[in-house]
Amino acid sequence: MPKFRFETTASGQTTAFEEELASADMASPRAIEKARAAIVEDPGTEQSGSITRVYDEAGYLVATVNFSDVLPVNPDAASDGISDAPIEEPGVMRSG
């Protein structure tokens, strides 16, 4: 399986990790999951400037997810501010 590098920039700090995924098509849904998890872990995170970028093994950018795009329009819709409704890849940009 190919490895992908996830780089998350939040509150001025960048963290990175690698993960094996079946294909590049799985990169953006996984990035959305990671963005949601980061928001739940630290609700004080500045979502407007937080972003996750996903790179393939060759170093090409395959997906970008802005944290602000994974938040529900109406935060009162979910008790924790994170909607469990499926998202059709908001704010995801792919190169290539």
Protein backbone atom coordinates (compact mmCIF):
# COMPACT_ATOMS: atom_id res chain seq x y z
CA MET A 1 0.00 0.00 0.00
CA PRO A 2 1.24 3.51 -0.75
CA LYS A 3 2.23 5.82 2.11
CA PHE A 4 0.89 9.35 2.42
CA ARG A 5 2.29 12.18 4.50
CA PHE A 6 -0.26 14.23 6.46
CA GLU A 7 0.86 17.69 7.59
CA THR A 8 -1.47 19.58 9.89
CA THR A 9 -0.86 23.23 10.69
CA ALA A 10 -2.90 24.51 13.64
CA SER A 11 -2.25 27.40 15.99
CA GLY A 12 1.03 28.11 14.23
CA GLN A 13 2.47 24.63 14.76
CA THR A 14 2.88 21.89 12.15
CA THR A 15 2.67 18.22 12.96
CA ALA A 16 3.22 15.43 10.47
CA PHE A 17 2.75 11.70 10.27
CA GLU A 18 2.69 9.04 7.58
CA GLU A 19 -0.07 6.56 6.98
CA GLU A 20 -0.63 3.79 4.47
CA LEU A 21 -3.84 4.12 2.49
CA ALA A 22 -5.31 1.99 -0.27
CA SER A 23 -5.29 4.90 -2.73
CA ALA A 24 -5.09 8.68 -3.07
CA ASP A 25 -8.90 8.75 -3.08
CA MET A 26 -8.78 7.83 0.61
CA ALA A 27 -6.49 10.77 1.50
CA SER A 28 -9.09 13.53 1.72
CA PRO A 29 -11.66 11.57 3.78
CA ARG A 30 -8.85 10.63 6.17
CA ALA A 31 -7.69 14.25 6.34
CA ILE A 32 -11.26 15.30 7.20
CA GLU A 33 -11.33 12.71 10.01
CA LYS A 34 -8.03 14.02 11.35
CA ALA A 35 -9.23 17.64 11.20
CA ARG A 36 -12.39 16.76 13.13
CA ALA A 37 -10.36 14.84 15.72
CA ALA A 38 -8.00 17.79 16.19
CA ILE A 39 -10.93 20.14 16.76
CA VAL A 40 -12.46 17.78 19.32
CA GLU A 41 -9.09 17.37 21.11
CA ASP A 42 -8.51 21.13 21.30
CA PRO A 43 -11.72 23.14 20.83
CA GLY A 44 -9.70 26.34 21.21
CA THR A 45 -7.83 25.64 17.97
CA GLU A 46 -8.09 28.52 15.51
CA GLN A 47 -10.03 26.73 12.78
CA SER A 48 -9.88 29.55 10.23
CA GLY A 49 -6.11 29.22 9.85
CA SER A 50 -5.78 25.48 10.43
CA ILE A 51 -5.21 23.18 7.50
CA THR A 52 -4.24 19.60 6.67
CA ARG A 53 -2.26 18.84 3.54
CA VAL A 54 -1.71 15.33 2.21
CA TYR A 55 1.27 14.39 0.04
CA ASP A 56 1.89 11.16 -1.84
CA GLU A 57 5.16 9.19 -1.74
CA ALA A 58 6.61 11.31 -4.56
CA GLY A 59 5.89 14.49 -2.58
CA TYR A 60 2.96 15.67 -4.70
CA LEU A 61 0.09 17.40 -2.92
CA VAL A 62 -2.99 15.19 -3.31
CA ALA A 63 -5.47 16.88 -0.93
CA THR A 64 -5.93 19.97 1.22
CA VAL A 65 -8.58 20.30 3.93
CA ASN A 66 -9.28 23.57 5.77
CA PHE A 67 -10.51 23.00 9.32
CA SER A 68 -13.17 25.68 8.91
CA ASP A 69 -14.73 23.63 6.11
CA VAL A 70 -15.34 20.58 8.30
CA LEU A 71 -17.38 22.48 10.89
CA PRO A 72 -21.17 22.47 10.62
CA VAL A 73 -22.84 25.67 9.43
CA ASN A 74 -24.95 25.65 12.60
CA PRO A 75 -22.71 24.60 15.54
CA ASP A 76 -25.80 24.13 17.71
CA ALA A 77 -26.83 21.26 15.42
CA ALA A 78 -24.48 18.92 17.26
CA SER A 79 -23.83 18.88 20.98
CA ASP A 80 -20.06 18.84 20.54
CA GLY A 81 -20.04 21.27 17.60
CA ILE A 82 -18.98 18.56 15.18
CA SER A 83 -21.57 17.14 12.83
CA ASP A 84 -21.62 13.41 12.09
CA ALA A 85 -23.40 14.03 8.80
CA PRO A 86 -21.46 12.88 5.76
CA ILE A 87 -19.50 15.60 4.04
CA GLU A 88 -18.87 15.70 0.32
CA GLU A 89 -15.23 16.75 0.64
CA PRO A 90 -15.65 20.45 1.47
CA GLY A 91 -12.68 22.60 0.75
CA VAL A 92 -10.74 19.69 -0.67
CA MET A 93 -8.40 20.63 -3.46
CA ARG A 94 -6.54 18.08 -5.48
CA SER A 95 -3.59 18.61 -7.72
CA GLY A 96 -2.79 16.59 -10.77
